[in-house]
Amino acid sequence: MDELVHLNRRKLLKTTTGFLAGLVIPGSPLARIARGPAWAVDLTSLTSSEGATLLAVARTLMPHDELDDAAYALVIPAIDADASKDEKLLKTLREGIANLGPDFAKNSESTRIEVLKKFESSPFFQTMRLRTVQILYSSPLAYAYFGYEGEAFSKGGYLLRGFNDLRWLPEVPLEDSGPMPVGVTREEIRDGEH
């Protein structure tokens, strides 16, 4: 058993450059779907400090005060994996991180915004913006936070499932709701048959 532990540790040390870790906030939407109270992300190209800076960049670019860091942390291993295959990207990331300054992750949000505004047209900023949007908003963690139930095609579509479950909008009379699918009548929907 000790050999197995040492082998895993050795392998981890060989393949990991840095890591990010954090805690899930109890009572948050993420806590309902998280596997445990803590999370960690291994990095292969970036150091822990670089990962923490990129996490702060992602949170600053797409701010959601109540969204756990764990959701933002999903962005970092994807960028790290991209950088492990692309030396030019790794160089762009490291230069961008250096330009932000050593205390970027510790700064207040308003200070981070001011710093990032100086680099809006840079490849570093554009890469972080694009990857953050792509990964953050396609994760189940963000889905839980925003109340998104997922795609509806496999469940029969939105017309009869989830299309009109917005509680903050007034009910629209069936007569004003537009064309109906072939083979479905307004009466069937009104009577709850579909």
N, C-alpha and C. Protein backbone atom coordinates (compact mmCIF):
# COMPACT_ATOMS: atom_id res chain seq x y z
N MET A 1 0.82 -1.19 0.00
CA MET A 1 0.00 0.00 0.00
C MET A 1 0.86 1.26 0.00
N ASP A 2 1.95 1.26 0.78
CA ASP A 2 2.83 2.43 0.80
C ASP A 2 3.46 2.69 -0.56
N GLU A 3 3.78 1.64 -1.30
CA GLU A 3 4.36 1.81 -2.63
C GLU A 3 3.39 2.52 -3.55
N LEU A 4 2.12 2.15 -3.45
CA LEU A 4 1.10 2.77 -4.28
C LEU A 4 0.98 4.27 -3.97
N VAL A 5 1.01 4.61 -2.69
CA VAL A 5 0.93 6.01 -2.29
C VAL A 5 2.13 6.78 -2.82
N HIS A 6 3.33 6.20 -2.68
CA HIS A 6 4.54 6.88 -3.17
C HIS A 6 4.52 7.01 -4.69
N LEU A 7 4.05 5.98 -5.37
CA LEU A 7 3.98 6.03 -6.83
C LEU A 7 3.03 7.14 -7.28
N ASN A 8 1.87 7.22 -6.65
CA ASN A 8 0.92 8.28 -7.02
C ASN A 8 1.49 9.66 -6.71
N ARG A 9 2.15 9.78 -5.58
CA ARG A 9 2.74 11.06 -5.21
C ARG A 9 3.83 11.45 -6.20
N ARG A 10 4.67 10.47 -6.55
CA ARG A 10 5.75 10.72 -7.50
C ARG A 10 5.18 11.16 -8.85
N LYS A 11 4.17 10.42 -9.30
CA LYS A 11 3.53 10.75 -10.57
C LYS A 11 2.93 12.15 -10.51
N LEU A 12 2.28 12.47 -9.41
CA LEU A 12 1.69 13.78 -9.23
C LEU A 12 2.76 14.86 -9.29
N LEU A 13 3.85 14.65 -8.61
CA LEU A 13 4.92 15.64 -8.60
C LEU A 13 5.57 15.81 -9.97
N LYS A 14 5.61 14.73 -10.75
CA LYS A 14 6.19 14.82 -12.09
C LYS A 14 5.28 15.57 -13.06
N THR A 15 3.99 15.42 -12.89
CA THR A 15 3.06 15.97 -13.88
C THR A 15 2.41 17.29 -13.47
N THR A 16 2.53 17.67 -12.21
CA THR A 16 1.84 18.85 -11.73
C THR A 16 2.82 19.98 -11.47
N THR A 17 2.52 21.14 -12.02
CA THR A 17 3.31 22.33 -11.77
C THR A 17 2.70 23.13 -10.64
N GLY A 18 1.37 23.24 -10.65
CA GLY A 18 0.67 24.00 -9.62
C GLY A 18 -0.70 23.42 -9.37
N PHE A 19 -1.42 24.03 -8.45
CA PHE A 19 -2.79 23.61 -8.19
C PHE A 19 -3.57 24.78 -7.61
N LEU A 20 -4.89 24.68 -7.72
CA LEU A 20 -5.81 25.62 -7.11
C LEU A 20 -6.72 24.82 -6.20
N ALA A 21 -7.12 25.40 -5.10
CA ALA A 21 -8.02 24.71 -4.18
C ALA A 21 -8.93 25.72 -3.51
N GLY A 22 -10.08 25.24 -3.06
CA GLY A 22 -11.02 26.12 -2.37
C GLY A 22 -12.11 25.32 -1.70
N LEU A 23 -13.03 26.03 -1.08
CA LEU A 23 -14.15 25.42 -0.37
C LEU A 23 -15.45 25.82 -1.04
N VAL A 24 -16.42 24.93 -0.98
CA VAL A 24 -17.76 25.21 -1.50
C VAL A 24 -18.54 25.92 -0.39
N ILE A 25 -19.22 27.00 -0.74
CA ILE A 25 -19.99 27.76 0.24
C ILE A 25 -21.26 26.98 0.58
N PRO A 26 -21.45 26.63 1.85
CA PRO A 26 -22.67 25.90 2.24
C PRO A 26 -23.92 26.73 1.92
N GLY A 27 -24.94 26.07 1.43
CA GLY A 27 -26.19 26.75 1.10
C GLY A 27 -26.22 27.37 -0.29
N SER A 28 -25.09 27.37 -0.99
CA SER A 28 -25.06 27.93 -2.35
C SER A 28 -25.65 26.92 -3.32
N PRO A 29 -26.06 27.37 -4.52
CA PRO A 29 -26.57 26.41 -5.51
C PRO A 29 -25.55 25.32 -5.82
N LEU A 30 -24.28 25.67 -5.79
CA LEU A 30 -23.23 24.70 -6.07
C LEU A 30 -23.19 23.61 -5.01
N ALA A 31 -23.47 23.96 -3.76
CA ALA A 31 -23.41 22.98 -2.68
C ALA A 31 -24.38 21.83 -2.91
N ARG A 32 -25.47 22.08 -3.65
CA ARG A 32 -26.45 21.03 -3.92
C ARG A 32 -25.92 19.98 -4.89
N ILE A 33 -25.00 20.38 -5.78
CA ILE A 33 -24.50 19.42 -6.77
C ILE A 33 -23.04 19.05 -6.59
N ALA A 34 -22.34 19.73 -5.69
CA ALA A 34 -20.91 19.46 -5.48
C ALA A 34 -20.73 18.09 -4.83
N ARG A 35 -19.63 17.46 -5.14
CA ARG A 35 -19.35 16.12 -4.59
C ARG A 35 -18.85 16.19 -3.15
N GLY A 36 -18.37 17.34 -2.74
CA GLY A 36 -17.86 17.47 -1.39
C GLY A 36 -17.71 18.93 -1.02
N PRO A 37 -17.21 19.20 0.19
CA PRO A 37 -17.11 20.59 0.65
C PRO A 37 -15.87 21.32 0.12
N ALA A 38 -14.97 20.62 -0.56
CA ALA A 38 -13.75 21.24 -1.06
C ALA A 38 -13.53 20.86 -2.52
N TRP A 39 -12.74 21.66 -3.23
CA TRP A 39 -12.41 21.36 -4.61
C TRP A 39 -10.93 21.66 -4.82
N ALA A 40 -10.36 21.02 -5.83
CA ALA A 40 -8.95 21.25 -6.18
C ALA A 40 -8.78 21.00 -7.67
N VAL A 41 -7.85 21.73 -8.26
CA VAL A 41 -7.56 21.62 -9.69
C VAL A 41 -6.05 21.52 -9.86
N ASP A 42 -5.58 20.47 -10.54
CA ASP A 42 -4.16 20.32 -10.84
C ASP A 42 -3.82 21.10 -12.10
N LEU A 43 -2.66 21.72 -12.11
CA LEU A 43 -2.19 22.46 -13.27
C LEU A 43 -0.89 21.84 -13.76
N THR A 44 -0.73 21.71 -15.07
CA THR A 44 0.48 21.09 -15.61
C THR A 44 1.45 22.09 -16.21
N SER A 45 0.96 23.23 -16.69
CA SER A 45 1.83 24.23 -17.32
C SER A 45 2.00 25.47 -16.46
N LEU A 46 0.98 25.79 -15.70
CA LEU A 46 0.96 27.01 -14.91
C LEU A 46 1.29 26.71 -13.45
N THR A 47 1.87 27.69 -12.77
CA THR A 47 2.13 27.55 -11.35
C THR A 47 0.86 27.87 -10.56
N SER A 48 0.87 27.58 -9.28
CA SER A 48 -0.28 27.89 -8.42
C SER A 48 -0.56 29.39 -8.42
N SER A 49 0.49 30.18 -8.37
CA SER A 49 0.34 31.64 -8.37
C SER A 49 -0.28 32.13 -9.68
N GLU A 50 0.20 31.58 -10.79
CA GLU A 50 -0.36 31.96 -12.10
C GLU A 50 -1.82 31.53 -12.19
N GLY A 51 -2.13 30.34 -11.69
CA GLY A 51 -3.51 29.87 -11.69
C GLY A 51 -4.41 30.76 -10.87
N ALA A 52 -3.93 31.20 -9.69
CA ALA A 52 -4.72 32.10 -8.84
C ALA A 52 -4.96 33.43 -9.53
N THR A 53 -3.96 33.93 -10.24
CA THR A 53 -4.13 35.19 -10.97
C THR A 53 -5.17 35.02 -12.08
N LEU A 54 -5.09 33.93 -12.82
CA LEU A 54 -6.06 33.70 -13.89
C LEU A 54 -7.47 33.49 -13.33
N LEU A 55 -7.58 32.88 -12.17
CA LEU A 55 -8.88 32.73 -11.52
C LEU A 55 -9.46 34.11 -11.19
N ALA A 56 -8.62 35.01 -10.69
CA ALA A 56 -9.07 36.37 -10.39
C ALA A 56 -9.45 37.12 -11.67
N VAL A 57 -8.74 36.86 -12.76
CA VAL A 57 -9.07 37.48 -14.04
C VAL A 57 -10.45 36.99 -14.50
N ALA A 58 -10.68 35.68 -14.45
CA ALA A 58 -11.96 35.11 -14.88
C ALA A 58 -13.11 35.68 -14.04
N ARG A 59 -12.92 35.76 -12.73
CA ARG A 59 -13.96 36.29 -11.85
C ARG A 59 -14.21 37.77 -12.13
N THR A 60 -13.18 38.50 -12.47
CA THR A 60 -13.32 39.93 -12.76
C THR A 60 -14.00 40.15 -14.11
N LEU A 61 -13.67 39.31 -15.09
CA LEU A 61 -14.27 39.45 -16.42
C LEU A 61 -15.76 39.12 -16.43
N MET A 62 -16.16 38.11 -15.69
CA MET A 62 -17.56 37.67 -15.66
C MET A 62 -18.01 37.62 -14.20
N PRO A 63 -18.25 38.79 -13.59
CA PRO A 63 -18.53 38.82 -12.15
C PRO A 63 -19.95 38.38 -11.80
N HIS A 64 -20.02 37.45 -10.89
CA HIS A 64 -21.28 37.00 -10.29
C HIS A 64 -20.97 36.82 -8.81
N ASP A 65 -21.38 37.77 -8.00
CA ASP A 65 -20.97 37.80 -6.60
C ASP A 65 -21.25 36.52 -5.83
N GLU A 66 -22.36 35.86 -6.12
CA GLU A 66 -22.74 34.68 -5.36
C GLU A 66 -22.24 33.37 -5.97
N LEU A 67 -21.60 33.43 -7.13
CA LEU A 67 -21.12 32.22 -7.79
C LEU A 67 -19.79 31.80 -7.16
N ASP A 68 -19.71 30.55 -6.73
CA ASP A 68 -18.52 30.03 -6.07
C ASP A 68 -17.30 30.06 -6.98
N ASP A 69 -16.13 30.18 -6.38
CA ASP A 69 -14.88 30.12 -7.13
C ASP A 69 -14.72 28.81 -7.88
N ALA A 70 -15.35 27.74 -7.39
CA ALA A 70 -15.23 26.44 -8.04
C ALA A 70 -15.71 26.50 -9.49
N ALA A 71 -16.74 27.29 -9.76
CA ALA A 71 -17.23 27.42 -11.13
C ALA A 71 -16.19 28.13 -12.00
N TYR A 72 -15.58 29.17 -11.47
CA TYR A 72 -14.54 29.89 -12.20
C TYR A 72 -13.29 29.03 -12.35
N ALA A 73 -13.04 28.17 -11.36
CA ALA A 73 -11.84 27.33 -11.40
C ALA A 73 -11.87 26.36 -12.56
N LEU A 74 -13.04 26.04 -13.10
CA LEU A 74 -13.11 25.14 -14.25
C LEU A 74 -12.45 25.75 -15.49
N VAL A 75 -12.39 27.06 -15.54
CA VAL A 75 -11.78 27.75 -16.68
C VAL A 75 -10.27 27.51 -16.70
N ILE A 76 -9.67 27.49 -15.53
CA ILE A 76 -8.21 27.48 -15.43
C ILE A 76 -7.58 26.18 -15.96
N PRO A 77 -8.07 24.98 -15.62
CA PRO A 77 -7.43 23.79 -16.19
C PRO A 77 -7.61 23.69 -17.71
N ALA A 78 -8.69 24.25 -18.23
CA ALA A 78 -8.88 24.23 -19.68
C ALA A 78 -7.83 25.12 -20.35
N ILE A 79 -7.59 26.28 -19.78
CA ILE A 79 -6.56 27.17 -20.32
C ILE A 79 -5.18 26.55 -20.12
N ASP A 80 -4.98 25.92 -18.97
CA ASP A 80 -3.71 25.25 -18.69
C ASP A 80 -3.45 24.13 -19.70
N ALA A 81 -4.48 23.36 -20.02
CA ALA A 81 -4.35 22.28 -21.01
C ALA A 81 -4.02 22.85 -22.39
N ASP A 82 -4.69 23.95 -22.75
CA ASP A 82 -4.38 24.60 -24.03
C ASP A 82 -2.92 25.05 -24.06
N ALA A 83 -2.48 25.64 -22.95
CA ALA A 83 -1.11 26.17 -22.88
C ALA A 83 -0.07 25.05 -22.90
N SER A 84 -0.43 23.88 -22.40
CA SER A 84 0.54 22.78 -22.41
C SER A 84 0.79 22.27 -23.83
N LYS A 85 -0.12 22.57 -24.75
CA LYS A 85 0.03 22.14 -26.15
C LYS A 85 0.51 23.26 -27.05
N ASP A 86 0.55 24.50 -26.53
CA ASP A 86 0.84 25.66 -27.37
C ASP A 86 1.79 26.61 -26.64
N GLU A 87 3.05 26.54 -26.99
CA GLU A 87 4.07 27.38 -26.35
C GLU A 87 3.77 28.88 -26.51
N LYS A 88 3.24 29.26 -27.65
CA LYS A 88 2.91 30.67 -27.89
C LYS A 88 1.83 31.14 -26.90
N LEU A 89 0.84 30.31 -26.68
CA LEU A 89 -0.21 30.64 -25.72
C LEU A 89 0.35 30.73 -24.31
N LEU A 90 1.20 29.79 -23.94
CA LEU A 90 1.81 29.81 -22.61
C LEU A 90 2.60 31.10 -22.42
N LYS A 91 3.34 31.50 -23.44
CA LYS A 91 4.10 32.75 -23.37
C LYS A 91 3.16 33.94 -23.24
N THR A 92 2.06 33.95 -24.00
CA THR A 92 1.07 35.03 -23.93
C THR A 92 0.47 35.12 -22.53
N LEU A 93 0.14 33.97 -21.96
CA LEU A 93 -0.43 33.95 -20.61
C LEU A 93 0.55 34.48 -19.58
N ARG A 94 1.77 34.01 -19.65
CA ARG A 94 2.78 34.44 -18.67
C ARG A 94 3.10 35.92 -18.80
N GLU A 95 3.16 36.43 -20.03
CA GLU A 95 3.39 37.86 -20.22
C GLU A 95 2.21 38.67 -19.69
N GLY A 96 1.01 38.18 -19.97
CA GLY A 96 -0.19 38.86 -19.48
C GLY A 96 -0.25 38.89 -17.96
N ILE A 97 0.07 37.77 -17.34
CA ILE A 97 0.08 37.70 -15.88
C ILE A 97 1.13 38.65 -15.32
N ALA A 98 2.30 38.69 -15.93
CA ALA A 98 3.35 39.60 -15.47
C ALA A 98 2.90 41.06 -15.60
N ASN A 99 2.21 41.39 -16.69
CA ASN A 99 1.73 42.76 -16.88
C ASN A 99 0.69 43.18 -15.85
N LEU A 100 -0.06 42.21 -15.34
CA LEU A 100 -1.09 42.52 -14.34
C LEU A 100 -0.48 42.88 -12.99
N GLY A 101 0.71 42.42 -12.74
CA GLY A 101 1.37 42.71 -11.47
C GLY A 101 1.26 41.56 -10.50
N PRO A 102 2.17 41.51 -9.53
CA PRO A 102 2.24 40.36 -8.62
C PRO A 102 1.06 40.26 -7.64
N ASP A 103 0.39 41.37 -7.36
CA ASP A 103 -0.71 41.35 -6.39
C ASP A 103 -2.09 41.43 -7.02
N PHE A 104 -2.18 41.15 -8.31
CA PHE A 104 -3.46 41.30 -9.00
C PHE A 104 -4.58 40.52 -8.30
N ALA A 105 -4.33 39.28 -7.96
CA ALA A 105 -5.36 38.44 -7.36
C ALA A 105 -5.79 38.93 -5.98
N LYS A 106 -4.92 39.66 -5.29
CA LYS A 106 -5.22 40.15 -3.95
C LYS A 106 -5.91 41.52 -3.97
N ASN A 107 -5.89 42.20 -5.12
CA ASN A 107 -6.48 43.54 -5.22
C ASN A 107 -7.99 43.50 -5.14
N SER A 108 -8.59 44.65 -4.85
CA SER A 108 -10.04 44.77 -4.85
C SER A 108 -10.55 44.62 -6.28
N GLU A 109 -11.83 44.33 -6.40
CA GLU A 109 -12.41 44.16 -7.73
C GLU A 109 -12.27 45.43 -8.57
N SER A 110 -12.49 46.59 -7.96
CA SER A 110 -12.40 47.85 -8.73
C SER A 110 -10.98 48.07 -9.24
N THR A 111 -9.98 47.72 -8.45
CA THR A 111 -8.59 47.85 -8.89
C THR A 111 -8.30 46.87 -10.02
N ARG A 112 -8.80 45.63 -9.88
CA ARG A 112 -8.59 44.63 -10.93
C ARG A 112 -9.23 45.09 -12.25
N ILE A 113 -10.41 45.69 -12.18
CA ILE A 113 -11.07 46.19 -13.38
C ILE A 113 -10.23 47.27 -14.05
N GLU A 114 -9.71 48.20 -13.26
CA GLU A 114 -8.86 49.26 -13.82
C GLU A 114 -7.64 48.69 -14.51
N VAL A 115 -7.01 47.70 -13.89
CA VAL A 115 -5.82 47.08 -14.47
C VAL A 115 -6.18 46.36 -15.77
N LEU A 116 -7.25 45.59 -15.76
CA LEU A 116 -7.64 44.84 -16.96
C LEU A 116 -8.03 45.75 -18.11
N LYS A 117 -8.62 46.90 -17.83
CA LYS A 117 -9.01 47.82 -18.90
C LYS A 117 -7.82 48.25 -19.75
N LYS A 118 -6.66 48.30 -19.14
CA LYS A 118 -5.44 48.70 -19.87
C LYS A 118 -5.03 47.65 -20.91
N PHE A 119 -5.53 46.43 -20.75
CA PHE A 119 -5.10 45.33 -21.62
C PHE A 119 -6.23 44.76 -22.47
N GLU A 120 -7.35 45.48 -22.59
CA GLU A 120 -8.52 44.96 -23.30
C GLU A 120 -8.24 44.49 -24.72
N SER A 121 -7.34 45.14 -25.41
CA SER A 121 -7.08 44.76 -26.80
C SER A 121 -5.95 43.73 -26.93
N SER A 122 -5.38 43.31 -25.82
CA SER A 122 -4.25 42.38 -25.88
C SER A 122 -4.73 40.95 -26.15
N PRO A 123 -3.87 40.13 -26.75
CA PRO A 123 -4.22 38.72 -26.96
C PRO A 123 -4.50 38.00 -25.63
N PHE A 124 -3.79 38.37 -24.57
CA PHE A 124 -4.02 37.77 -23.25
C PHE A 124 -5.46 38.01 -22.80
N PHE A 125 -5.89 39.26 -22.83
CA PHE A 125 -7.25 39.61 -22.40
C PHE A 125 -8.28 38.90 -23.25
N GLN A 126 -8.11 38.93 -24.56
CA GLN A 126 -9.09 38.32 -25.46
C GLN A 126 -9.16 36.81 -25.27
N THR A 127 -8.03 36.17 -25.04
CA THR A 127 -8.01 34.73 -24.78
C THR A 127 -8.75 34.42 -23.49
N MET A 128 -8.47 35.18 -22.45
CA MET A 128 -9.14 34.95 -21.16
C MET A 128 -10.63 35.21 -21.26
N ARG A 129 -11.01 36.26 -21.95
CA ARG A 129 -12.44 36.58 -22.11
C ARG A 129 -13.16 35.45 -22.83
N LEU A 130 -12.61 35.03 -23.95
CA LEU A 130 -13.25 34.00 -24.76
C LEU A 130 -13.35 32.67 -24.01
N ARG A 131 -12.26 32.21 -23.43
CA ARG A 131 -12.27 30.91 -22.74
C ARG A 131 -13.14 30.96 -21.49
N THR A 132 -13.18 32.11 -20.81
CA THR A 132 -14.03 32.21 -19.63
C THR A 132 -15.50 32.09 -20.02
N VAL A 133 -15.90 32.78 -21.07
CA VAL A 133 -17.29 32.69 -21.54
C VAL A 133 -17.61 31.26 -21.96
N GLN A 134 -16.73 30.66 -22.75
CA GLN A 134 -16.98 29.32 -23.27
C GLN A 134 -17.11 28.28 -22.16
N ILE A 135 -16.26 28.34 -21.18
CA ILE A 135 -16.21 27.28 -20.18
C ILE A 135 -17.13 27.57 -18.99
N LEU A 136 -17.10 28.79 -18.49
CA LEU A 136 -17.91 29.12 -17.32
C LEU A 136 -19.39 28.89 -17.58
N TYR A 137 -19.89 29.42 -18.69
CA TYR A 137 -21.32 29.37 -18.94
C TYR A 137 -21.79 28.05 -19.56
N SER A 138 -20.90 27.11 -19.76
CA SER A 138 -21.32 25.79 -20.23
C SER A 138 -21.11 24.73 -19.17
N SER A 139 -20.90 25.16 -17.94
CA SER A 139 -20.64 24.19 -16.86
C SER A 139 -21.89 23.94 -16.03
N PRO A 140 -22.06 22.72 -15.54
CA PRO A 140 -23.19 22.42 -14.66
C PRO A 140 -23.20 23.27 -13.40
N LEU A 141 -22.02 23.73 -12.96
CA LEU A 141 -21.96 24.58 -11.77
C LEU A 141 -22.65 25.91 -12.03
N ALA A 142 -22.40 26.49 -13.19
CA ALA A 142 -23.08 27.74 -13.55
C ALA A 142 -24.56 27.48 -13.81
N TYR A 143 -24.88 26.36 -14.43
CA TYR A 143 -26.28 26.01 -14.66
C TYR A 143 -27.05 26.00 -13.34
N ALA A 144 -26.47 25.39 -12.31
CA ALA A 144 -27.13 25.32 -11.00
C ALA A 144 -27.32 26.72 -10.43
N TYR A 145 -26.31 27.55 -10.57
CA TYR A 145 -26.39 28.91 -10.04
C TYR A 145 -27.47 29.73 -10.73
N PHE A 146 -27.54 29.63 -12.05
CA PHE A 146 -28.49 30.43 -12.82
C PHE A 146 -29.88 29.79 -12.92
N GLY A 147 -30.01 28.55 -12.46
CA GLY A 147 -31.30 27.87 -12.54
C GLY A 147 -31.61 27.32 -13.91
N TYR A 148 -30.60 27.15 -14.73
CA TYR A 148 -30.79 26.60 -16.07
C TYR A 148 -30.96 25.09 -15.97
N GLU A 149 -32.00 24.56 -16.53
CA GLU A 149 -32.30 23.14 -16.41
C GLU A 149 -31.64 22.30 -17.49
N GLY A 150 -30.91 22.91 -18.38
CA GLY A 150 -30.25 22.17 -19.44
C GLY A 150 -31.04 22.20 -20.74
N GLU A 151 -30.47 21.58 -21.74
CA GLU A 151 -31.14 21.56 -23.04
C GLU A 151 -32.44 20.77 -22.95
N ALA A 152 -33.38 21.11 -23.80
CA ALA A 152 -34.71 20.49 -23.72
C ALA A 152 -35.00 19.54 -24.87
N PHE A 153 -34.17 19.51 -25.89
CA PHE A 153 -34.44 18.69 -27.06
C PHE A 153 -34.67 17.23 -26.68
N SER A 154 -33.77 16.70 -25.86
CA SER A 154 -33.87 15.29 -25.49
C SER A 154 -35.07 15.01 -24.58
N LYS A 155 -35.69 16.08 -24.07
CA LYS A 155 -36.84 15.93 -23.17
C LYS A 155 -38.13 16.37 -23.83
N GLY A 156 -38.12 16.52 -25.16
CA GLY A 156 -39.33 16.88 -25.88
C GLY A 156 -39.43 18.33 -26.30
N GLY A 157 -38.41 19.11 -26.03
CA GLY A 157 -38.43 20.51 -26.44
C GLY A 157 -38.94 21.43 -25.34
N TYR A 158 -38.91 22.73 -25.64
CA TYR A 158 -39.29 23.73 -24.66
C TYR A 158 -40.78 24.07 -24.67
N LEU A 159 -41.47 23.80 -25.77
CA LEU A 159 -42.86 24.23 -25.87
C LEU A 159 -43.70 23.72 -24.72
N LEU A 160 -43.56 22.44 -24.41
CA LEU A 160 -44.38 21.84 -23.37
C LEU A 160 -43.58 21.56 -22.09
N ARG A 161 -42.33 21.96 -22.05
CA ARG A 161 -41.48 21.73 -20.88
C ARG A 161 -40.55 22.92 -20.68
N GLY A 162 -40.90 23.76 -19.75
CA GLY A 162 -39.99 24.84 -19.41
C GLY A 162 -40.15 26.12 -20.19
N PHE A 163 -40.91 26.11 -21.26
CA PHE A 163 -41.05 27.32 -22.07
C PHE A 163 -41.76 28.41 -21.32
N ASN A 164 -42.78 28.04 -20.57
CA ASN A 164 -43.58 29.05 -19.89
C ASN A 164 -43.48 28.93 -18.37
N ASP A 165 -42.34 28.49 -17.85
CA ASP A 165 -42.21 28.38 -16.40
C ASP A 165 -41.53 29.58 -15.77
N LEU A 166 -41.47 30.69 -16.50
CA LEU A 166 -40.91 31.92 -15.95
C LEU A 166 -41.95 32.56 -15.05
N ARG A 167 -41.70 32.58 -13.78
CA ARG A 167 -42.67 33.09 -12.81
C ARG A 167 -42.78 34.60 -12.82
N TRP A 168 -41.80 35.30 -13.36
CA TRP A 168 -41.78 36.76 -13.31
C TRP A 168 -42.49 37.39 -14.51
N LEU A 169 -42.96 36.57 -15.46
CA LEU A 169 -43.71 37.08 -16.60
C LEU A 169 -45.19 36.75 -16.43
N PRO A 170 -46.08 37.66 -16.90
CA PRO A 170 -47.51 37.34 -16.81
C PRO A 170 -47.86 36.21 -17.76
N GLU A 171 -48.90 35.46 -17.43
CA GLU A 171 -49.38 34.39 -18.29
C GLU A 171 -49.92 34.98 -19.59
N VAL A 172 -49.60 34.36 -20.69
CA VAL A 172 -50.10 34.79 -21.99
C VAL A 172 -51.27 33.88 -22.35
N PRO A 173 -52.40 34.47 -22.76
CA PRO A 173 -53.53 33.62 -23.17
C PRO A 173 -53.12 32.71 -24.32
N LEU A 174 -53.60 31.47 -24.32
CA LEU A 174 -53.24 30.52 -25.37
C LEU A 174 -53.53 31.07 -26.76
N GLU A 175 -54.60 31.86 -26.90
CA GLU A 175 -54.95 32.39 -28.21
C GLU A 175 -53.87 33.33 -28.74
N ASP A 176 -53.10 33.94 -27.84
CA ASP A 176 -52.06 34.89 -28.25
C ASP A 176 -50.67 34.26 -28.27
N SER A 177 -50.59 32.96 -28.10
CA SER A 177 -49.28 32.34 -27.95
C SER A 177 -48.66 31.84 -29.26
N GLY A 178 -49.27 32.13 -30.38
CA GLY A 178 -48.65 31.78 -31.65
C GLY A 178 -49.08 30.43 -32.17
N PRO A 179 -48.45 29.98 -33.27
CA PRO A 179 -48.84 28.72 -33.91
C PRO A 179 -48.52 27.53 -33.02
N MET A 180 -49.32 26.51 -33.16
CA MET A 180 -49.16 25.28 -32.38
C MET A 180 -48.47 24.22 -33.24
N PRO A 181 -47.78 23.27 -32.61
CA PRO A 181 -47.17 22.18 -33.37
C PRO A 181 -48.24 21.36 -34.09
N VAL A 182 -47.84 20.72 -35.15
CA VAL A 182 -48.77 19.89 -35.92
C VAL A 182 -49.30 18.79 -35.01
N GLY A 183 -50.62 18.61 -35.03
CA GLY A 183 -51.24 17.54 -34.27
C GLY A 183 -51.56 17.90 -32.83
N VAL A 184 -51.28 19.14 -32.38
CA VAL A 184 -51.57 19.56 -31.01
C VAL A 184 -52.55 20.72 -31.07
N THR A 185 -53.61 20.64 -30.31
CA THR A 185 -54.60 21.72 -30.28
C THR A 185 -54.45 22.52 -28.99
N ARG A 186 -54.94 23.74 -29.03
CA ARG A 186 -54.91 24.58 -27.84
C ARG A 186 -55.72 23.95 -26.69
N GLU A 187 -56.79 23.29 -27.03
CA GLU A 187 -57.63 22.66 -26.01
C GLU A 187 -56.86 21.54 -25.29
N GLU A 188 -56.06 20.78 -26.05
CA GLU A 188 -55.27 19.72 -25.43
C GLU A 188 -54.26 20.29 -24.44
N ILE A 189 -53.65 21.40 -24.80
CA ILE A 189 -52.69 22.03 -23.90
C ILE A 189 -53.42 22.60 -22.69
N ARG A 190 -54.53 23.28 -22.94
CA ARG A 190 -55.31 23.86 -21.84
C ARG A 190 -55.77 22.76 -20.86
N ASP A 191 -56.14 21.61 -21.39
CA ASP A 191 -56.61 20.51 -20.55
C ASP A 191 -55.46 19.68 -19.95
N GLY A 192 -54.22 20.03 -20.30
CA GLY A 192 -53.07 19.34 -19.74
C GLY A 192 -52.77 17.99 -20.36
N GLU A 193 -53.30 17.75 -21.56
CA GLU A 193 -53.07 16.45 -22.20
C GLU A 193 -51.69 16.34 -22.80
N HIS A 194 -50.98 17.45 -23.05
CA HIS A 194 -49.64 17.42 -23.63
C HIS A 194 -48.65 18.03 -22.71
